[in-house]
Amino acid sequence: MKQDKNCLFCKIANKEIKANIVFENDSLVAFTDINPQAPVHILIIPREHIPGLNEISEANNELLGKIQIAAKELAKKNNISRDGYRVVANCGPNAGQAVDHIHYHLLGGRVFKWPPG
């Protein structure tokens, strides 16, 4: 599995940096965001280092499906599945991607406006 020794999220996945991990398996790690934008704000990351959406390929289909399932299960566990939640993946600096490791924000527990940003 590809890792980047300088990547913040790789270090969290490898438990070199402490985080409030709320879910993990062989493929994924999920932890609470240190700067939450909603009452529930969880980051879901693959253990494999993928810089962003522009670097995914068909080979990542199974992994991306696992992320969706994890988001659904975490929403249910955090009691936001009934009223609604948002799953966001930012791609690039203009979209707000601050860490170059693909990650998904699971946000819920409040009403969101549209369009975002």
PDB file of N, CA and C in Angstrom:
ATOM      1  N   MET A   1       0.842  -1.182   0.000  1.00  0.00           N
ATOM      2  CA  MET A   1       0.000   0.000   0.000  1.00  0.00           C
ATOM      3  C   MET A   1       0.885   1.243   0.000  1.00  0.00           C
ATOM      4  N   LYS A   2       0.616   2.131  -0.915  1.00  0.00           N
ATOM      5  CA  LYS A   2       1.400   3.352  -1.065  1.00  0.00           C
ATOM      6  C   LYS A   2       1.142   4.303   0.114  1.00  0.00           C
ATOM      7  N   GLN A   3       2.211   4.813   0.689  1.00  0.00           N
ATOM      8  CA  GLN A   3       2.152   5.782   1.782  1.00  0.00           C
ATOM      9  C   GLN A   3       3.084   6.949   1.458  1.00  0.00           C
ATOM     10  N   ASP A   4       2.826   8.076   2.077  1.00  0.00           N
ATOM     11  CA  ASP A   4       3.709   9.235   1.966  1.00  0.00           C
ATOM     12  C   ASP A   4       4.158   9.586   3.375  1.00  0.00           C
ATOM     13  N   LYS A   5       5.443   9.420   3.657  1.00  0.00           N
ATOM     14  CA  LYS A   5       5.944   9.607   5.021  1.00  0.00           C
ATOM     15  C   LYS A   5       5.786  11.034   5.537  1.00  0.00           C
ATOM     16  N   ASN A   6       5.552  12.002   4.641  1.00  0.00           N
ATOM     17  CA  ASN A   6       5.376  13.392   5.048  1.00  0.00           C
ATOM     18  C   ASN A   6       3.917  13.820   5.128  1.00  0.00           C
ATOM     19  N   CYS A   7       2.995  12.928   4.802  1.00  0.00           N
ATOM     20  CA  CYS A   7       1.577  13.261   4.740  1.00  0.00           C
ATOM     21  C   CYS A   7       0.936  13.185   6.130  1.00  0.00           C
ATOM     22  N   LEU A   8       0.276  14.258   6.522  1.00  0.00           N
ATOM     23  CA  LEU A   8      -0.417  14.323   7.805  1.00  0.00           C
ATOM     24  C   LEU A   8      -1.420  13.178   7.959  1.00  0.00           C
ATOM     25  N   PHE A   9      -2.225  12.938   6.922  1.00  0.00           N
ATOM     26  CA  PHE A   9      -3.257  11.912   7.035  1.00  0.00           C
ATOM     27  C   PHE A   9      -2.669  10.499   7.022  1.00  0.00           C
ATOM     28  N   CYS A  10      -1.581  10.282   6.309  1.00  0.00           N
ATOM     29  CA  CYS A  10      -0.901   8.980   6.384  1.00  0.00           C
ATOM     30  C   CYS A  10      -0.397   8.749   7.805  1.00  0.00           C
ATOM     31  N   LYS A  11       0.122   9.800   8.436  1.00  0.00           N
ATOM     32  CA  LYS A  11       0.605   9.684   9.805  1.00  0.00           C
ATOM     33  C   LYS A  11      -0.534   9.389  10.775  1.00  0.00           C
ATOM     34  N   ILE A  12      -1.697   9.984  10.549  1.00  0.00           N
ATOM     35  CA  ILE A  12      -2.865   9.673  11.385  1.00  0.00           C
ATOM     36  C   ILE A  12      -3.283   8.227  11.164  1.00  0.00           C
ATOM     37  N   ALA A  13      -3.350   7.798   9.909  1.00  0.00           N
ATOM     38  CA  ALA A  13      -3.746   6.419   9.604  1.00  0.00           C
ATOM     39  C   ALA A  13      -2.790   5.411  10.229  1.00  0.00           C
ATOM     40  N   ASN A  14      -1.511   5.763  10.297  1.00  0.00           N
ATOM     41  CA  ASN A  14      -0.501   4.885  10.890  1.00  0.00           C
ATOM     42  C   ASN A  14      -0.356   5.082  12.396  1.00  0.00           C
ATOM     43  N   LYS A  15      -1.173   5.964  12.958  1.00  0.00           N
ATOM     44  CA  LYS A  15      -1.180   6.276  14.398  1.00  0.00           C
ATOM     45  C   LYS A  15       0.139   6.862  14.880  1.00  0.00           C
ATOM     46  N   GLU A  16       0.812   7.569  13.976  1.00  0.00           N
ATOM     47  CA  GLU A  16       2.007   8.315  14.348  1.00  0.00           C
ATOM     48  C   GLU A  16       1.613   9.672  14.921  1.00  0.00           C
ATOM     49  N   ILE A  17       0.428  10.148  14.534  1.00  0.00           N
ATOM     50  CA  ILE A  17      -0.149  11.382  15.062  1.00  0.00           C
ATOM     51  C   ILE A  17      -1.501  11.007  15.656  1.00  0.00           C
ATOM     52  N   LYS A  18      -1.755  11.507  16.838  1.00  0.00           N
ATOM     53  CA  LYS A  18      -2.997  11.187  17.548  1.00  0.00           C
ATOM     54  C   LYS A  18      -4.185  11.911  16.909  1.00  0.00           C
ATOM     55  N   ALA A  19      -5.293  11.187  16.828  1.00  0.00           N
ATOM     56  CA  ALA A  19      -6.555  11.745  16.345  1.00  0.00           C
ATOM     57  C   ALA A  19      -7.677  11.005  17.048  1.00  0.00           C
ATOM     58  N   ASN A  20      -8.853  11.595  17.058  1.00  0.00           N
ATOM     59  CA  ASN A  20     -10.029  10.940  17.626  1.00  0.00           C
ATOM     60  C   ASN A  20     -10.621  10.030  16.549  1.00  0.00           C
ATOM     61  N   ILE A  21     -10.103   8.821  16.460  1.00  0.00           N
ATOM     62  CA  ILE A  21     -10.540   7.863  15.440  1.00  0.00           C
ATOM     63  C   ILE A  21     -11.876   7.270  15.859  1.00  0.00           C
ATOM     64  N   VAL A  22     -12.859   7.365  14.958  1.00  0.00           N
ATOM     65  CA  VAL A  22     -14.208   6.868  15.254  1.00  0.00           C
ATOM     66  C   VAL A  22     -14.540   5.604  14.470  1.00  0.00           C
ATOM     67  N   PHE A  23     -13.695   5.265  13.497  1.00  0.00           N
ATOM     68  CA  PHE A  23     -13.900   4.058  12.700  1.00  0.00           C
ATOM     69  C   PHE A  23     -12.592   3.743  11.990  1.00  0.00           C
ATOM     70  N   GLU A  24     -12.292   2.452  11.879  1.00  0.00           N
ATOM     71  CA  GLU A  24     -11.162   2.035  11.051  1.00  0.00           C
ATOM     72  C   GLU A  24     -11.338   0.581  10.662  1.00  0.00           C
ATOM     73  N   ASN A  25     -10.803   0.268   9.495  1.00  0.00           N
ATOM     74  CA  ASN A  25     -10.706  -1.112   9.030  1.00  0.00           C
ATOM     75  C   ASN A  25      -9.422  -1.216   8.200  1.00  0.00           C
ATOM     76  N   ASP A  26      -9.272  -2.281   7.442  1.00  0.00           N
ATOM     77  CA  ASP A  26      -8.039  -2.466   6.668  1.00  0.00           C
ATOM     78  C   ASP A  26      -7.832  -1.398   5.601  1.00  0.00           C
ATOM     79  N   SER A  27      -8.931  -0.792   5.105  1.00  0.00           N
ATOM     80  CA  SER A  27      -8.864   0.152   3.991  1.00  0.00           C
ATOM     81  C   SER A  27      -8.990   1.613   4.389  1.00  0.00           C
ATOM     82  N   LEU A  28      -9.727   1.871   5.473  1.00  0.00           N
ATOM     83  CA  LEU A  28     -10.140   3.239   5.801  1.00  0.00           C
ATOM     84  C   LEU A  28      -9.876   3.597   7.249  1.00  0.00           C
ATOM     85  N   VAL A  29      -9.793   4.902   7.474  1.00  0.00           N
ATOM     86  CA  VAL A  29      -9.754   5.458   8.825  1.00  0.00           C
ATOM     87  C   VAL A  29     -10.685   6.673   8.811  1.00  0.00           C
ATOM     88  N   ALA A  30     -11.476   6.818   9.866  1.00  0.00           N
ATOM     89  CA  ALA A  30     -12.346   7.986  10.007  1.00  0.00           C
ATOM     90  C   ALA A  30     -12.089   8.612  11.370  1.00  0.00           C
ATOM     91  N   PHE A  31     -12.008   9.940  11.390  1.00  0.00           N
ATOM     92  CA  PHE A  31     -11.720  10.647  12.634  1.00  0.00           C
ATOM     93  C   PHE A  31     -12.416  11.998  12.613  1.00  0.00           C
ATOM     94  N   THR A  32     -12.626  12.549  13.811  1.00  0.00           N
ATOM     95  CA  THR A  32     -13.311  13.833  13.898  1.00  0.00           C
ATOM     96  C   THR A  32     -12.383  14.946  13.415  1.00  0.00           C
ATOM     97  N   ASP A  33     -12.975  15.917  12.742  1.00  0.00           N
ATOM     98  CA  ASP A  33     -12.224  17.066  12.226  1.00  0.00           C
ATOM     99  C   ASP A  33     -11.819  17.964  13.396  1.00  0.00           C
ATOM    100  N   ILE A  34     -10.600  18.484  13.373  1.00  0.00           N
ATOM    101  CA  ILE A  34     -10.143  19.358  14.466  1.00  0.00           C
ATOM    102  C   ILE A  34     -10.736  20.762  14.361  1.00  0.00           C
ATOM    103  N   ASN A  35     -11.333  21.085  13.229  1.00  0.00           N
ATOM    104  CA  ASN A  35     -11.987  22.380  13.030  1.00  0.00           C
ATOM    105  C   ASN A  35     -13.397  22.125  12.501  1.00  0.00           C
ATOM    106  N   PRO A  36     -14.285  21.588  13.346  1.00  0.00           N
ATOM    107  CA  PRO A  36     -15.601  21.161  12.853  1.00  0.00           C
ATOM    108  C   PRO A  36     -16.455  22.302  12.313  1.00  0.00           C
ATOM    109  N   GLN A  37     -17.125  22.008  11.197  1.00  0.00           N
ATOM    110  CA  GLN A  37     -18.019  22.962  10.544  1.00  0.00           C
ATOM    111  C   GLN A  37     -19.487  22.603  10.765  1.00  0.00           C
ATOM    112  N   ALA A  38     -19.727  21.578  11.567  1.00  0.00           N
ATOM    113  CA  ALA A  38     -21.076  21.128  11.897  1.00  0.00           C
ATOM    114  C   ALA A  38     -20.969  20.327  13.190  1.00  0.00           C
ATOM    115  N   PRO A  39     -22.096  20.097  13.868  1.00  0.00           N
ATOM    116  CA  PRO A  39     -22.040  19.289  15.087  1.00  0.00           C
ATOM    117  C   PRO A  39     -21.397  17.913  14.879  1.00  0.00           C
ATOM    118  N   VAL A  40     -21.632  17.316  13.727  1.00  0.00           N
ATOM    119  CA  VAL A  40     -20.925  16.091  13.348  1.00  0.00           C
ATOM    120  C   VAL A  40     -20.051  16.450  12.147  1.00  0.00           C
ATOM    121  N   HIS A  41     -18.750  16.275  12.290  1.00  0.00           N
ATOM    122  CA  HIS A  41     -17.818  16.541  11.192  1.00  0.00           C
ATOM    123  C   HIS A  41     -16.704  15.506  11.292  1.00  0.00           C
ATOM    124  N   ILE A  42     -16.811  14.503  10.435  1.00  0.00           N
ATOM    125  CA  ILE A  42     -15.884  13.382  10.434  1.00  0.00           C
ATOM    126  C   ILE A  42     -15.173  13.333   9.092  1.00  0.00           C
ATOM    127  N   LEU A  43     -13.875  13.107   9.113  1.00  0.00           N
ATOM    128  CA  LEU A  43     -13.096  12.914   7.901  1.00  0.00           C
ATOM    129  C   LEU A  43     -12.928  11.422   7.668  1.00  0.00           C
ATOM    130  N   ILE A  44     -13.172  10.985   6.449  1.00  0.00           N
ATOM    131  CA  ILE A  44     -12.998   9.588   6.063  1.00  0.00           C
ATOM    132  C   ILE A  44     -11.878   9.544   5.036  1.00  0.00           C
ATOM    133  N   ILE A  45     -10.832   8.769   5.339  1.00  0.00           N
ATOM    134  CA  ILE A  45      -9.669   8.702   4.456  1.00  0.00           C
ATOM    135  C   ILE A  45      -9.322   7.253   4.146  1.00  0.00           C
ATOM    136  N   PRO A  46      -8.778   7.014   2.965  1.00  0.00           N
ATOM    137  CA  PRO A  46      -8.214   5.682   2.724  1.00  0.00           C
ATOM    138  C   PRO A  46      -6.847   5.593   3.386  1.00  0.00           C
ATOM    139  N   ARG A  47      -6.457   4.395   3.773  1.00  0.00           N
ATOM    140  CA  ARG A  47      -5.113   4.202   4.319  1.00  0.00           C
ATOM    141  C   ARG A  47      -4.066   4.420   3.221  1.00  0.00           C
ATOM    142  N   GLU A  48      -4.426   4.078   1.996  1.00  0.00           N
ATOM    143  CA  GLU A  48      -3.527   4.278   0.860  1.00  0.00           C
ATOM    144  C   GLU A  48      -3.421   5.764   0.557  1.00  0.00           C
ATOM    145  N   HIS A  49      -2.206   6.220   0.282  1.00  0.00           N
ATOM    146  CA  HIS A  49      -2.012   7.629  -0.055  1.00  0.00           C
ATOM    147  C   HIS A  49      -2.407   7.877  -1.513  1.00  0.00           C
ATOM    148  N   ILE A  50      -3.485   8.635  -1.674  1.00  0.00           N
ATOM    149  CA  ILE A  50      -3.934   9.123  -2.978  1.00  0.00           C
ATOM    150  C   ILE A  50      -4.065  10.628  -2.788  1.00  0.00           C
ATOM    151  N   PRO A  51      -3.319  11.443  -3.536  1.00  0.00           N
ATOM    152  CA  PRO A  51      -3.322  12.884  -3.288  1.00  0.00           C
ATOM    153  C   PRO A  51      -4.694  13.565  -3.394  1.00  0.00           C
ATOM    154  N   GLY A  52      -5.530  13.144  -4.334  1.00  0.00           N
ATOM    155  CA  GLY A  52      -6.827  13.795  -4.489  1.00  0.00           C
ATOM    156  C   GLY A  52      -7.657  13.121  -5.547  1.00  0.00           C
ATOM    157  N   LEU A  53      -8.829  13.686  -5.811  1.00  0.00           N
ATOM    158  CA  LEU A  53      -9.744  13.110  -6.795  1.00  0.00           C
ATOM    159  C   LEU A  53      -9.129  13.016  -8.181  1.00  0.00           C
ATOM    160  N   ASN A  54      -8.253  13.932  -8.529  1.00  0.00           N
ATOM    161  CA  ASN A  54      -7.637  13.897  -9.861  1.00  0.00           C
ATOM    162  C   ASN A  54      -6.725  12.686 -10.055  1.00  0.00           C
ATOM    163  N   GLU A  55      -6.341  12.040  -8.973  1.00  0.00           N
ATOM    164  CA  GLU A  55      -5.432  10.905  -9.063  1.00  0.00           C
ATOM    165  C   GLU A  55      -6.124   9.540  -8.942  1.00  0.00           C
ATOM    166  N   ILE A  56      -7.449   9.524  -8.830  1.00  0.00           N
ATOM    167  CA  ILE A  56      -8.128   8.231  -8.747  1.00  0.00           C
ATOM    168  C   ILE A  56      -8.284   7.630 -10.144  1.00  0.00           C
ATOM    169  N   SER A  57      -8.493   6.308 -10.154  1.00  0.00           N
ATOM    170  CA  SER A  57      -8.692   5.601 -11.418  1.00  0.00           C
ATOM    171  C   SER A  57      -9.717   4.502 -11.195  1.00  0.00           C
ATOM    172  N   GLU A  58     -10.015   3.790 -12.251  1.00  0.00           N
ATOM    173  CA  GLU A  58     -10.953   2.660 -12.157  1.00  0.00           C
ATOM    174  C   GLU A  58     -10.477   1.646 -11.121  1.00  0.00           C
ATOM    175  N   ALA A  59      -9.182   1.565 -10.914  1.00  0.00           N
ATOM    176  CA  ALA A  59      -8.637   0.632  -9.921  1.00  0.00           C
ATOM    177  C   ALA A  59      -9.098   0.976  -8.503  1.00  0.00           C
ATOM    178  N   ASN A  60      -9.570   2.203  -8.289  1.00  0.00           N
ATOM    179  CA  ASN A  60     -10.018   2.643  -6.972  1.00  0.00           C
ATOM    180  C   ASN A  60     -11.520   2.478  -6.752  1.00  0.00           C
ATOM    181  N   ASN A  61     -12.240   1.884  -7.716  1.00  0.00           N
ATOM    182  CA  ASN A  61     -13.694   1.766  -7.599  1.00  0.00           C
ATOM    183  C   ASN A  61     -14.133   1.109  -6.292  1.00  0.00           C
ATOM    184  N   GLU A  62     -13.519  -0.005  -5.944  1.00  0.00           N
ATOM    185  CA  GLU A  62     -13.915  -0.714  -4.722  1.00  0.00           C
ATOM    186  C   GLU A  62     -13.656   0.148  -3.487  1.00  0.00           C
ATOM    187  N   LEU A  63     -12.502   0.789  -3.434  1.00  0.00           N
ATOM    188  CA  LEU A  63     -12.159   1.648  -2.312  1.00  0.00           C
ATOM    189  C   LEU A  63     -13.159   2.796  -2.173  1.00  0.00           C
ATOM    190  N   LEU A  64     -13.512   3.432  -3.286  1.00  0.00           N
ATOM    191  CA  LEU A  64     -14.458   4.549  -3.244  1.00  0.00           C
ATOM    192  C   LEU A  64     -15.838   4.085  -2.783  1.00  0.00           C
ATOM    193  N   GLY A  65     -16.224   2.882  -3.170  1.00  0.00           N
ATOM    194  CA  GLY A  65     -17.485   2.316  -2.684  1.00  0.00           C
ATOM    195  C   GLY A  65     -17.447   2.095  -1.182  1.00  0.00           C
ATOM    196  N   LYS A  66     -16.314   1.643  -0.669  1.00  0.00           N
ATOM    197  CA  LYS A  66     -16.170   1.427   0.768  1.00  0.00           C
ATOM    198  C   LYS A  66     -16.292   2.744   1.533  1.00  0.00           C
ATOM    199  N   ILE A  67     -15.799   3.816   0.942  1.00  0.00           N
ATOM    200  CA  ILE A  67     -15.917   5.130   1.579  1.00  0.00           C
ATOM    201  C   ILE A  67     -17.389   5.523   1.676  1.00  0.00           C
ATOM    202  N   GLN A  68     -18.155   5.294   0.620  1.00  0.00           N
ATOM    203  CA  GLN A  68     -19.585   5.627   0.638  1.00  0.00           C
ATOM    204  C   GLN A  68     -20.334   4.829   1.706  1.00  0.00           C
ATOM    205  N   ILE A  69     -20.033   3.551   1.802  1.00  0.00           N
ATOM    206  CA  ILE A  69     -20.676   2.699   2.805  1.00  0.00           C
ATOM    207  C   ILE A  69     -20.288   3.161   4.213  1.00  0.00           C
ATOM    208  N   ALA A  70     -19.022   3.489   4.407  1.00  0.00           N
ATOM    209  CA  ALA A  70     -18.578   3.980   5.711  1.00  0.00           C
ATOM    210  C   ALA A  70     -19.300   5.276   6.073  1.00  0.00           C
ATOM    211  N   ALA A  71     -19.462   6.177   5.104  1.00  0.00           N
ATOM    212  CA  ALA A  71     -20.180   7.435   5.360  1.00  0.00           C
ATOM    213  C   ALA A  71     -21.613   7.147   5.806  1.00  0.00           C
ATOM    214  N   LYS A  72     -22.270   6.243   5.122  1.00  0.00           N
ATOM    215  CA  LYS A  72     -23.651   5.880   5.486  1.00  0.00           C
ATOM    216  C   LYS A  72     -23.711   5.315   6.902  1.00  0.00           C
ATOM    217  N   GLU A  73     -22.805   4.400   7.226  1.00  0.00           N
ATOM    218  CA  GLU A  73     -22.796   3.766   8.548  1.00  0.00           C
ATOM    219  C   GLU A  73     -22.440   4.769   9.651  1.00  0.00           C
ATOM    220  N   LEU A  74     -21.489   5.655   9.386  1.00  0.00           N
ATOM    221  CA  LEU A  74     -21.132   6.672  10.371  1.00  0.00           C
ATOM    222  C   LEU A  74     -22.270   7.668  10.575  1.00  0.00           C
ATOM    223  N   ALA A  75     -22.993   7.990   9.511  1.00  0.00           N
ATOM    224  CA  ALA A  75     -24.151   8.873   9.641  1.00  0.00           C
ATOM    225  C   ALA A  75     -25.204   8.223  10.540  1.00  0.00           C
ATOM    226  N   LYS A  76     -25.436   6.960  10.334  1.00  0.00           N
ATOM    227  CA  LYS A  76     -26.401   6.236  11.159  1.00  0.00           C
ATOM    228  C   LYS A  76     -25.931   6.200  12.617  1.00  0.00           C
ATOM    229  N   LYS A  77     -24.673   5.855  12.834  1.00  0.00           N
ATOM    230  CA  LYS A  77     -24.110   5.761  14.183  1.00  0.00           C
ATOM    231  C   LYS A  77     -24.172   7.094  14.924  1.00  0.00           C
ATOM    232  N   ASN A  78     -24.050   8.202  14.172  1.00  0.00           N
ATOM    233  CA  ASN A  78     -24.051   9.539  14.769  1.00  0.00           C
ATOM    234  C   ASN A  78     -25.422  10.213  14.729  1.00  0.00           C
ATOM    235  N   ASN A  79     -26.449   9.438  14.430  1.00  0.00           N
ATOM    236  CA  ASN A  79     -27.843   9.907  14.464  1.00  0.00           C
ATOM    237  C   ASN A  79     -28.127  11.089  13.539  1.00  0.00           C
ATOM    238  N   ILE A  80     -27.489  11.092  12.363  1.00  0.00           N
ATOM    239  CA  ILE A  80     -27.766  12.156  11.388  1.00  0.00           C
ATOM    240  C   ILE A  80     -28.358  11.602  10.099  1.00  0.00           C
ATOM    241  N   SER A  81     -28.521  10.289  10.023  1.00  0.00           N
ATOM    242  CA  SER A  81     -29.005   9.698   8.765  1.00  0.00           C
ATOM    243  C   SER A  81     -30.465  10.040   8.491  1.00  0.00           C
ATOM    244  N   ARG A  82     -31.250  10.183   9.504  1.00  0.00           N
ATOM    245  CA  ARG A  82     -32.687  10.439   9.294  1.00  0.00           C
ATOM    246  C   ARG A  82     -32.950  11.858   8.778  1.00  0.00           C
ATOM    247  N   ASP A  83     -32.319  12.853   9.400  1.00  0.00           N
ATOM    248  CA  ASP A  83     -32.572  14.246   9.024  1.00  0.00           C
ATOM    249  C   ASP A  83     -31.740  14.704   7.839  1.00  0.00           C
ATOM    250  N   GLY A  84     -30.649  14.010   7.566  1.00  0.00           N
ATOM    251  CA  GLY A  84     -29.828  14.345   6.412  1.00  0.00           C
ATOM    252  C   GLY A  84     -28.417  14.748   6.786  1.00  0.00           C
ATOM    253  N   TYR A  85     -27.547  14.536   5.838  1.00  0.00           N
ATOM    254  CA  TYR A  85     -26.133  14.843   6.026  1.00  0.00           C
ATOM    255  C   TYR A  85     -25.520  15.136   4.675  1.00  0.00           C
ATOM    256  N   ARG A  86     -24.309  15.616   4.705  1.00  0.00           N
ATOM    257  CA  ARG A  86     -23.599  15.964   3.481  1.00  0.00           C
ATOM    258  C   ARG A  86     -22.252  15.250   3.475  1.00  0.00           C
ATOM    259  N   VAL A  87     -21.858  14.741   2.297  1.00  0.00           N
ATOM    260  CA  VAL A  87     -20.540  14.157   2.100  1.00  0.00           C
ATOM    261  C   VAL A  87     -19.842  15.009   1.047  1.00  0.00           C
ATOM    262  N   VAL A  88     -18.676  15.550   1.406  1.00  0.00           N
ATOM    263  CA  VAL A  88     -17.973  16.496   0.544  1.00  0.00           C
ATOM    264  C   VAL A  88     -16.544  16.033   0.310  1.00  0.00           C
ATOM    265  N   ALA A  89     -16.107  16.115  -0.933  1.00  0.00           N
ATOM    266  CA  ALA A  89     -14.709  15.891  -1.278  1.00  0.00           C
ATOM    267  C   ALA A  89     -14.210  17.125  -2.020  1.00  0.00           C
ATOM    268  N   ASN A  90     -13.306  17.848  -1.407  1.00  0.00           N
ATOM    269  CA  ASN A  90     -12.716  19.016  -2.055  1.00  0.00           C
ATOM    270  C   ASN A  90     -11.540  18.552  -2.906  1.00  0.00           C
ATOM    271  N   CYS A  91     -11.353  19.202  -4.060  1.00  0.00           N
ATOM    272  CA  CYS A  91     -10.260  18.830  -4.952  1.00  0.00           C
ATOM    273  C   CYS A  91      -9.492  20.089  -5.355  1.00  0.00           C
ATOM    274  N   GLY A  92      -8.293  20.231  -4.803  1.00  0.00           N
ATOM    275  CA  GLY A  92      -7.439  21.359  -5.145  1.00  0.00           C
ATOM    276  C   GLY A  92      -7.611  22.537  -4.210  1.00  0.00           C
ATOM    277  N   PRO A  93      -6.640  23.439  -4.230  1.00  0.00           N
ATOM    278  CA  PRO A  93      -6.639  24.569  -3.292  1.00  0.00           C
ATOM    279  C   PRO A  93      -7.823  25.523  -3.469  1.00  0.00           C
ATOM    280  N   ASN A  94      -8.284  25.754  -4.686  1.00  0.00           N
ATOM    281  CA  ASN A  94      -9.413  26.662  -4.877  1.00  0.00           C
ATOM    282  C   ASN A  94     -10.718  26.104  -4.319  1.00  0.00           C
ATOM    283  N   ALA A  95     -10.779  24.793  -4.157  1.00  0.00           N
ATOM    284  CA  ALA A  95     -11.971  24.152  -3.584  1.00  0.00           C
ATOM    285  C   ALA A  95     -11.832  23.966  -2.076  1.00  0.00           C
ATOM    286  N   GLY A  96     -10.664  24.279  -1.531  1.00  0.00           N
ATOM    287  CA  GLY A  96     -10.469  24.177  -0.095  1.00  0.00           C
ATOM    288  C   GLY A  96      -9.759  22.922   0.374  1.00  0.00           C
ATOM    289  N   GLN A  97      -9.167  22.157  -0.540  1.00  0.00           N
ATOM    290  CA  GLN A  97      -8.426  20.964  -0.117  1.00  0.00           C
ATOM    291  C   GLN A  97      -7.131  21.416   0.547  1.00  0.00           C
ATOM    292  N   ALA A  98      -7.026  21.193   1.863  1.00  0.00           N
ATOM    293  CA  ALA A  98      -5.877  21.661   2.629  1.00  0.00           C
ATOM    294  C   ALA A  98      -4.818  20.578   2.824  1.00  0.00           C
ATOM    295  N   VAL A  99      -5.195  19.305   2.695  1.00  0.00           N
ATOM    296  CA  VAL A  99      -4.253  18.197   2.845  1.00  0.00           C
ATOM    297  C   VAL A  99      -4.287  17.380   1.561  1.00  0.00           C
ATOM    298  N   ASP A 100      -3.128  17.163   0.979  1.00  0.00           N
ATOM    299  CA  ASP A 100      -3.045  16.412  -0.277  1.00  0.00           C
ATOM    300  C   ASP A 100      -3.090  14.903  -0.025  1.00  0.00           C
ATOM    301  N   HIS A 101      -4.231  14.467   0.472  1.00  0.00           N
ATOM    302  CA  HIS A 101      -4.559  13.051   0.679  1.00  0.00           C
ATOM    303  C   HIS A 101      -6.073  13.016   0.544  1.00  0.00           C
ATOM    304  N   ILE A 102      -6.578  12.265  -0.424  1.00  0.00           N
ATOM    305  CA  ILE A 102      -8.010  12.268  -0.672  1.00  0.00           C
ATOM    306  C   ILE A 102      -8.763  12.008   0.633  1.00  0.00           C
ATOM    307  N   HIS A 103      -9.770  12.811   0.883  1.00  0.00           N
ATOM    308  CA  HIS A 103     -10.565  12.659   2.097  1.00  0.00           C
ATOM    309  C   HIS A 103     -11.968  13.197   1.853  1.00  0.00           C
ATOM    310  N   TYR A 104     -12.872  12.653   2.605  1.00  0.00           N
ATOM    311  CA  TYR A 104     -14.291  13.004   2.490  1.00  0.00           C
ATOM    312  C   TYR A 104     -14.760  13.524   3.830  1.00  0.00           C
ATOM    313  N   HIS A 105     -15.467  14.643   3.794  1.00  0.00           N
ATOM    314  CA  HIS A 105     -16.046  15.229   4.993  1.00  0.00           C
ATOM    315  C   HIS A 105     -17.474  14.717   5.123  1.00  0.00           C
ATOM    316  N   LEU A 106     -17.796  14.121   6.254  1.00  0.00           N
ATOM    317  CA  LEU A 106     -19.167  13.754   6.594  1.00  0.00           C
ATOM    318  C   LEU A 106     -19.640  14.811   7.575  1.00  0.00           C
ATOM    319  N   LEU A 107     -20.651  15.567   7.149  1.00  0.00           N
ATOM    320  CA  LEU A 107     -21.148  16.685   7.944  1.00  0.00           C
ATOM    321  C   LEU A 107     -22.627  16.503   8.223  1.00  0.00           C
ATOM    322  N   GLY A 108     -23.042  16.794   9.436  1.00  0.00           N
ATOM    323  CA  GLY A 108     -24.455  16.695   9.765  1.00  0.00           C
ATOM    324  C   GLY A 108     -24.751  17.299  11.126  1.00  0.00           C
ATOM    325  N   GLY A 109     -26.026  17.275  11.476  1.00  0.00           N
ATOM    326  CA  GLY A 109     -26.450  17.805  12.763  1.00  0.00           C
ATOM    327  C   GLY A 109     -26.916  19.242  12.713  1.00  0.00           C
ATOM    328  N   ARG A 110     -26.997  19.800  11.517  1.00  0.00           N
ATOM    329  CA  ARG A 110     -27.549  21.150  11.330  1.00  0.00           C
ATOM    330  C   ARG A 110     -28.098  21.252   9.908  1.00  0.00           C
ATOM    331  N   VAL A 111     -28.822  22.316   9.642  1.00  0.00           N
ATOM    332  CA  VAL A 111     -29.365  22.563   8.306  1.00  0.00           C
ATOM    333  C   VAL A 111     -28.275  23.214   7.457  1.00  0.00           C
ATOM    334  N   PHE A 112     -28.101  22.714   6.246  1.00  0.00           N
ATOM    335  CA  PHE A 112     -27.119  23.269   5.312  1.00  0.00           C
ATOM    336  C   PHE A 112     -27.828  24.089   4.249  1.00  0.00           C
ATOM    337  N   LYS A 113     -27.143  25.090   3.748  1.00  0.00           N
ATOM    338  CA  LYS A 113     -27.681  25.922   2.660  1.00  0.00           C
ATOM    339  C   LYS A 113     -27.150  25.444   1.336  1.00  0.00           C
ATOM    340  N   TRP A 114     -27.840  25.815   0.272  1.00  0.00           N
ATOM    341  CA  TRP A 114     -27.405  25.512  -1.078  1.00  0.00           C
ATOM    342  C   TRP A 114     -27.534  26.765  -1.904  1.00  0.00           C
ATOM    343  N   PRO A 115     -26.600  27.126  -2.708  1.00  0.00           N
ATOM    344  CA  PRO A 115     -25.332  26.418  -2.940  1.00  0.00           C
ATOM    345  C   PRO A 115     -24.357  26.660  -1.795  1.00  0.00           C
ATOM    346  N   PRO A 116     -23.442  25.703  -1.588  1.00  0.00           N
ATOM    347  CA  PRO A 116     -22.425  25.884  -0.538  1.00  0.00           C
ATOM    348  C   PRO A 116     -21.369  26.885  -0.991  1.00  0.00           C
ATOM    349  N   GLY A 117     -20.619  27.376  -0.036  1.00  0.00           N
ATOM    350  CA  GLY A 117     -19.482  28.248  -0.331  1.00  0.00           C
ATOM    351  C   GLY A 117     -19.884  29.559  -0.832  1.00  0.00           C
TER     352      GLY A 117
END
